[in-house]
Amino acid sequence: MITQTLQIVQLVLAVLVIVAILMQQQGSGLGGAFGGEGNFYRSKRGLEKVLFYATIILIVLFVASVTVPLFLA
């Protein structure tokens, strides 16, 4: 019962992490992957900042949901 619940939680967290990452605006295109477009500094504001922190929290929760059962077994 617990393993099924944990699997569902992991699935939901994985989908939420994917959605949160895809919703973030990069704005640099393919040139940013090769070192281009890096001539400016821009701080995150408003919803972008909330989404950034939410992504970090979701990733930490996902990693915790994967590793904690390993220590309990």
N, C-alpha and C. Protein backbone atom coordinates (compact mmCIF):
# COMPACT_ATOMS: atom_id res chain seq x y z
N MET A 1 0.83 -1.20 0.00
CA MET A 1 0.00 0.00 0.00
C MET A 1 0.88 1.26 0.00
N ILE A 2 1.88 1.27 0.86
CA ILE A 2 2.75 2.45 0.95
C ILE A 2 3.57 2.61 -0.32
N THR A 3 4.01 1.52 -0.91
CA THR A 3 4.82 1.63 -2.13
C THR A 3 4.00 2.17 -3.29
N GLN A 4 2.73 1.79 -3.37
CA GLN A 4 1.88 2.32 -4.43
C GLN A 4 1.65 3.82 -4.24
N THR A 5 1.43 4.22 -3.02
CA THR A 5 1.24 5.64 -2.73
C THR A 5 2.51 6.43 -3.04
N LEU A 6 3.65 5.87 -2.69
CA LEU A 6 4.92 6.53 -2.95
C LEU A 6 5.19 6.65 -4.45
N GLN A 7 4.82 5.63 -5.20
CA GLN A 7 4.99 5.68 -6.65
C GLN A 7 4.10 6.76 -7.28
N ILE A 8 2.90 6.89 -6.77
CA ILE A 8 1.98 7.93 -7.29
C ILE A 8 2.53 9.32 -6.95
N VAL A 9 3.04 9.49 -5.74
CA VAL A 9 3.62 10.77 -5.33
C VAL A 9 4.82 11.10 -6.21
N GLN A 10 5.67 10.11 -6.49
CA GLN A 10 6.83 10.34 -7.34
C GLN A 10 6.42 10.71 -8.75
N LEU A 11 5.38 10.07 -9.27
CA LEU A 11 4.89 10.38 -10.61
C LEU A 11 4.35 11.80 -10.68
N VAL A 12 3.58 12.20 -9.69
CA VAL A 12 3.02 13.55 -9.66
C VAL A 12 4.14 14.59 -9.54
N LEU A 13 5.11 14.32 -8.66
CA LEU A 13 6.23 15.25 -8.51
C LEU A 13 7.05 15.36 -9.80
N ALA A 14 7.26 14.24 -10.49
CA ALA A 14 8.01 14.27 -11.73
C ALA A 14 7.30 15.10 -12.79
N VAL A 15 6.00 14.95 -12.90
CA VAL A 15 5.23 15.74 -13.87
C VAL A 15 5.28 17.23 -13.50
N LEU A 16 5.16 17.54 -12.22
CA LEU A 16 5.21 18.93 -11.78
C LEU A 16 6.58 19.56 -12.04
N VAL A 17 7.66 18.79 -11.85
CA VAL A 17 9.00 19.30 -12.13
C VAL A 17 9.15 19.58 -13.62
N ILE A 18 8.66 18.68 -14.46
CA ILE A 18 8.74 18.89 -15.91
C ILE A 18 7.97 20.13 -16.32
N VAL A 19 6.77 20.28 -15.80
CA VAL A 19 5.95 21.46 -16.14
C VAL A 19 6.62 22.74 -15.65
N ALA A 20 7.16 22.72 -14.44
CA ALA A 20 7.80 23.92 -13.90
C ALA A 20 9.03 24.31 -14.71
N ILE A 21 9.80 23.33 -15.15
CA ILE A 21 10.98 23.63 -15.96
C ILE A 21 10.58 24.18 -17.31
N LEU A 22 9.57 23.59 -17.93
CA LEU A 22 9.15 24.06 -19.25
C LEU A 22 8.49 25.43 -19.21
N MET A 23 7.92 25.81 -18.08
CA MET A 23 7.27 27.12 -17.98
C MET A 23 8.25 28.27 -17.79
N GLN A 24 9.47 27.97 -17.42
CA GLN A 24 10.45 29.03 -17.19
C GLN A 24 10.88 29.62 -18.53
N GLN A 25 10.95 30.93 -18.57
CA GLN A 25 11.36 31.62 -19.79
C GLN A 25 12.88 31.66 -19.85
N GLN A 26 13.43 31.12 -20.89
CA GLN A 26 14.88 31.17 -21.05
C GLN A 26 15.25 32.40 -21.88
N GLY A 27 14.66 32.54 -23.04
CA GLY A 27 14.87 33.72 -23.85
C GLY A 27 16.21 33.81 -24.55
N SER A 28 17.08 32.83 -24.39
CA SER A 28 18.39 32.93 -25.02
C SER A 28 18.49 32.10 -26.29
N GLY A 29 17.56 31.18 -26.51
CA GLY A 29 17.60 30.36 -27.71
C GLY A 29 18.76 29.39 -27.70
N LEU A 30 19.11 28.89 -28.86
CA LEU A 30 20.18 27.91 -28.97
C LEU A 30 21.55 28.54 -28.78
N GLY A 31 21.67 29.83 -29.02
CA GLY A 31 22.96 30.50 -28.86
C GLY A 31 23.44 30.50 -27.43
N GLY A 32 22.55 30.47 -26.48
CA GLY A 32 22.93 30.43 -25.07
C GLY A 32 23.61 29.13 -24.68
N ALA A 33 23.33 28.06 -25.42
CA ALA A 33 23.94 26.77 -25.11
C ALA A 33 25.41 26.74 -25.48
N PHE A 34 25.81 27.61 -26.40
CA PHE A 34 27.19 27.62 -26.86
C PHE A 34 27.96 28.84 -26.39
N GLY A 35 27.46 29.51 -25.36
CA GLY A 35 28.20 30.61 -24.77
C GLY A 35 27.77 31.98 -25.27
N GLY A 36 26.87 32.06 -26.20
CA GLY A 36 26.40 33.36 -26.69
C GLY A 36 25.33 33.94 -25.80
N GLU A 37 25.00 35.18 -26.03
CA GLU A 37 23.91 35.86 -25.32
C GLU A 37 24.17 35.97 -23.82
N GLY A 38 25.40 35.91 -23.38
CA GLY A 38 25.67 35.97 -21.95
C GLY A 38 26.28 37.29 -21.53
N ASN A 39 25.95 38.36 -22.22
CA ASN A 39 26.58 39.65 -21.96
C ASN A 39 25.79 40.53 -21.00
N PHE A 40 24.74 40.01 -20.42
CA PHE A 40 23.92 40.84 -19.53
C PHE A 40 23.53 40.04 -18.30
N TYR A 41 23.20 40.77 -17.25
CA TYR A 41 22.73 40.16 -16.01
C TYR A 41 21.31 40.64 -15.78
N ARG A 42 20.42 39.71 -15.53
CA ARG A 42 19.02 40.06 -15.32
C ARG A 42 18.54 39.32 -14.08
N SER A 43 17.96 40.04 -13.15
CA SER A 43 17.46 39.40 -11.94
C SER A 43 16.03 38.91 -12.17
N LYS A 44 15.68 37.87 -11.43
CA LYS A 44 14.34 37.31 -11.54
C LYS A 44 13.39 38.14 -10.68
N ARG A 45 12.21 38.37 -11.21
CA ARG A 45 11.22 39.16 -10.47
C ARG A 45 9.85 38.50 -10.57
N GLY A 46 9.04 38.73 -9.57
CA GLY A 46 7.65 38.32 -9.58
C GLY A 46 7.43 36.83 -9.75
N LEU A 47 6.58 36.51 -10.72
CA LEU A 47 6.19 35.13 -10.96
C LEU A 47 7.37 34.28 -11.40
N GLU A 48 8.30 34.87 -12.12
CA GLU A 48 9.48 34.14 -12.56
C GLU A 48 10.31 33.67 -11.36
N LYS A 49 10.42 34.50 -10.35
CA LYS A 49 11.16 34.15 -9.14
C LYS A 49 10.44 33.06 -8.35
N VAL A 50 9.12 33.17 -8.25
CA VAL A 50 8.33 32.16 -7.55
C VAL A 50 8.44 30.82 -8.25
N LEU A 51 8.37 30.83 -9.58
CA LEU A 51 8.48 29.60 -10.35
C LEU A 51 9.87 28.97 -10.21
N PHE A 52 10.90 29.80 -10.15
CA PHE A 52 12.27 29.32 -9.96
C PHE A 52 12.41 28.61 -8.62
N TYR A 53 11.93 29.23 -7.55
CA TYR A 53 12.03 28.62 -6.23
C TYR A 53 11.12 27.39 -6.11
N ALA A 54 9.96 27.43 -6.74
CA ALA A 54 9.06 26.28 -6.73
C ALA A 54 9.71 25.08 -7.42
N THR A 55 10.44 25.35 -8.50
CA THR A 55 11.15 24.27 -9.20
C THR A 55 12.19 23.63 -8.30
N ILE A 56 12.94 24.45 -7.58
CA ILE A 56 13.95 23.93 -6.66
C ILE A 56 13.31 23.08 -5.57
N ILE A 57 12.22 23.57 -5.00
CA ILE A 57 11.53 22.83 -3.94
C ILE A 57 10.97 21.51 -4.46
N LEU A 58 10.39 21.52 -5.67
CA LEU A 58 9.86 20.30 -6.24
C LEU A 58 10.96 19.27 -6.50
N ILE A 59 12.11 19.73 -6.96
CA ILE A 59 13.22 18.81 -7.21
C ILE A 59 13.72 18.20 -5.91
N VAL A 60 13.82 19.03 -4.86
CA VAL A 60 14.26 18.51 -3.56
C VAL A 60 13.25 17.48 -3.03
N LEU A 61 11.96 17.76 -3.17
CA LEU A 61 10.94 16.81 -2.72
C LEU A 61 11.00 15.51 -3.52
N PHE A 62 11.24 15.63 -4.82
CA PHE A 62 11.33 14.43 -5.66
C PHE A 62 12.53 13.57 -5.26
N VAL A 63 13.67 14.21 -5.08
CA VAL A 63 14.87 13.46 -4.67
C VAL A 63 14.67 12.83 -3.29
N ALA A 64 14.02 13.54 -2.40
CA ALA A 64 13.76 13.00 -1.07
C ALA A 64 12.80 11.81 -1.15
N SER A 65 11.81 11.88 -2.03
CA SER A 65 10.86 10.78 -2.15
C SER A 65 11.50 9.55 -2.77
N VAL A 66 12.59 9.74 -3.48
CA VAL A 66 13.30 8.60 -4.07
C VAL A 66 14.29 8.01 -3.08
N THR A 67 14.99 8.85 -2.32
CA THR A 67 16.07 8.36 -1.47
C THR A 67 15.63 7.90 -0.08
N VAL A 68 14.62 8.50 0.49
CA VAL A 68 14.19 8.13 1.84
C VAL A 68 13.78 6.65 1.93
N PRO A 69 13.02 6.12 0.99
CA PRO A 69 12.67 4.68 1.10
C PRO A 69 13.90 3.76 1.04
N LEU A 70 14.97 4.20 0.41
CA LEU A 70 16.18 3.39 0.35
C LEU A 70 16.80 3.22 1.74
N PHE A 71 16.69 4.27 2.56
CA PHE A 71 17.24 4.21 3.91
C PHE A 71 16.33 3.47 4.87
N LEU A 72 15.05 3.42 4.57
CA LEU A 72 14.10 2.75 5.45
C LEU A 72 14.03 1.24 5.21
N ALA A 73 14.48 0.82 4.05
CA ALA A 73 14.38 -0.63 3.70
C ALA A 73 15.45 -1.44 4.36
